[in-house]
């Protein structure tokens, strides 16, 4: 049996627009909260 090679990717490094993952997570969290508020108030 051949051993399958599992490709490992750095977490979001290719698509990241921020330097750190923590900053990216915070921006995503704030964006999600704002979106949830807009939907909650809108409906």
N, C-alpha and C. Protein backbone atom coordinates (compact mmCIF):
# COMPACT_ATOMS: atom_id res chain seq x y z
N UNK A 1 0.84 -1.20 0.00
CA UNK A 1 0.00 0.00 0.00
C UNK A 1 0.88 1.25 0.00
N UNK A 2 0.54 2.16 -0.89
CA UNK A 2 1.30 3.41 -0.94
C UNK A 2 0.79 4.38 0.11
N UNK A 3 1.71 5.12 0.64
CA UNK A 3 1.33 6.11 1.64
C UNK A 3 0.84 7.38 0.94
N UNK A 4 -0.37 7.79 1.26
CA UNK A 4 -0.91 9.00 0.63
C UNK A 4 -0.27 10.23 1.25
N UNK A 5 0.08 11.17 0.41
CA UNK A 5 0.65 12.41 0.92
C UNK A 5 -0.48 13.39 1.19
N UNK A 6 -0.53 13.86 2.39
CA UNK A 6 -1.57 14.80 2.79
C UNK A 6 -1.00 16.21 2.62
N UNK A 7 -1.68 17.00 1.81
CA UNK A 7 -1.23 18.38 1.61
C UNK A 7 -1.63 19.21 2.81
N UNK A 8 -0.67 19.91 3.34
CA UNK A 8 -0.99 20.79 4.47
C UNK A 8 -0.83 22.24 4.01
N UNK A 9 -1.81 23.02 4.35
CA UNK A 9 -1.79 24.42 3.97
C UNK A 9 -1.63 25.27 5.21
N UNK A 10 -0.88 26.35 5.08
CA UNK A 10 -0.81 27.30 6.17
C UNK A 10 -2.17 27.96 6.29
N UNK A 11 -2.61 28.16 7.51
CA UNK A 11 -3.97 28.62 7.75
C UNK A 11 -4.20 30.01 7.17
N UNK A 12 -4.82 30.04 5.99
CA UNK A 12 -5.24 31.31 5.41
C UNK A 12 -4.11 32.21 4.93
N UNK A 13 -2.92 31.67 4.78
CA UNK A 13 -1.80 32.54 4.42
C UNK A 13 -1.91 33.06 2.99
N UNK A 14 -2.46 32.23 2.11
CA UNK A 14 -2.53 32.62 0.70
C UNK A 14 -3.62 33.68 0.48
N UNK A 15 -4.68 33.60 1.26
CA UNK A 15 -5.81 34.50 1.04
C UNK A 15 -5.88 35.62 2.06
N UNK A 16 -4.97 35.59 3.02
CA UNK A 16 -5.05 36.55 4.13
C UNK A 16 -4.70 37.95 3.66
N UNK A 17 -5.50 38.91 4.07
CA UNK A 17 -5.19 40.31 3.76
C UNK A 17 -4.61 41.00 4.99
N UNK A 18 -4.57 40.28 6.10
CA UNK A 18 -4.00 40.83 7.33
C UNK A 18 -2.72 40.07 7.67
N UNK A 19 -1.90 40.69 8.49
CA UNK A 19 -0.63 40.06 8.85
C UNK A 19 -0.80 38.93 9.83
N UNK A 20 -1.75 39.08 10.75
CA UNK A 20 -1.90 38.07 11.78
C UNK A 20 -3.27 37.42 11.70
N UNK A 21 -3.33 36.17 12.13
CA UNK A 21 -4.61 35.45 12.14
C UNK A 21 -5.56 36.04 13.17
N UNK A 22 -5.01 36.52 14.29
CA UNK A 22 -5.87 37.06 15.34
C UNK A 22 -6.62 38.28 14.85
N UNK A 23 -5.92 39.17 14.13
CA UNK A 23 -6.57 40.37 13.60
C UNK A 23 -7.64 39.99 12.58
N UNK A 24 -7.32 39.01 11.76
CA UNK A 24 -8.28 38.55 10.76
C UNK A 24 -9.52 37.97 11.42
N UNK A 25 -9.31 37.19 12.50
CA UNK A 25 -10.44 36.61 13.22
C UNK A 25 -11.29 37.69 13.87
N UNK A 26 -10.65 38.72 14.42
CA UNK A 26 -11.41 39.80 15.05
C UNK A 26 -12.25 40.56 14.03
N UNK A 27 -11.66 40.85 12.87
CA UNK A 27 -12.41 41.55 11.83
C UNK A 27 -13.58 40.70 11.35
N UNK A 28 -13.35 39.41 11.21
CA UNK A 28 -14.44 38.51 10.79
C UNK A 28 -15.54 38.46 11.84
N UNK A 29 -15.16 38.46 13.11
CA UNK A 29 -16.14 38.43 14.19
C UNK A 29 -16.97 39.71 14.21
N UNK A 30 -16.31 40.86 14.09
CA UNK A 30 -17.02 42.14 14.06
C UNK A 30 -17.95 42.21 12.86
N UNK A 31 -17.46 41.76 11.71
CA UNK A 31 -18.29 41.77 10.50
C UNK A 31 -19.52 40.89 10.67
N UNK A 32 -19.34 39.72 11.29
CA UNK A 32 -20.46 38.81 11.52
C UNK A 32 -21.47 39.42 12.49
N UNK A 33 -20.98 40.10 13.52
CA UNK A 33 -21.89 40.74 14.48
C UNK A 33 -22.69 41.86 13.83
N UNK A 34 -22.01 42.67 13.02
CA UNK A 34 -22.71 43.75 12.32
C UNK A 34 -23.75 43.20 11.36
N UNK A 35 -23.38 42.16 10.63
CA UNK A 35 -24.31 41.54 9.69
C UNK A 35 -25.51 40.97 10.43
N UNK A 36 -25.27 40.32 11.57
CA UNK A 36 -26.37 39.76 12.36
C UNK A 36 -27.28 40.86 12.88
N UNK A 37 -26.72 41.99 13.32
CA UNK A 37 -27.53 43.10 13.79
C UNK A 37 -28.38 43.70 12.67
N UNK A 38 -27.78 43.86 11.50
CA UNK A 38 -28.52 44.41 10.36
C UNK A 38 -29.68 43.51 10.00
N UNK A 39 -29.46 42.21 10.00
CA UNK A 39 -30.54 41.27 9.68
C UNK A 39 -31.59 41.28 10.78
N UNK A 40 -31.15 41.34 12.03
CA UNK A 40 -32.08 41.33 13.17
C UNK A 40 -32.95 42.57 13.18
N UNK A 41 -32.35 43.74 12.90
CA UNK A 41 -33.10 44.98 12.90
C UNK A 41 -33.97 45.09 11.64
N UNK A 42 -33.43 44.61 10.54
CA UNK A 42 -34.13 44.72 9.26
C UNK A 42 -35.39 43.89 9.21
N UNK A 43 -35.38 42.76 9.87
CA UNK A 43 -36.57 41.92 9.87
C UNK A 43 -37.22 41.99 11.24
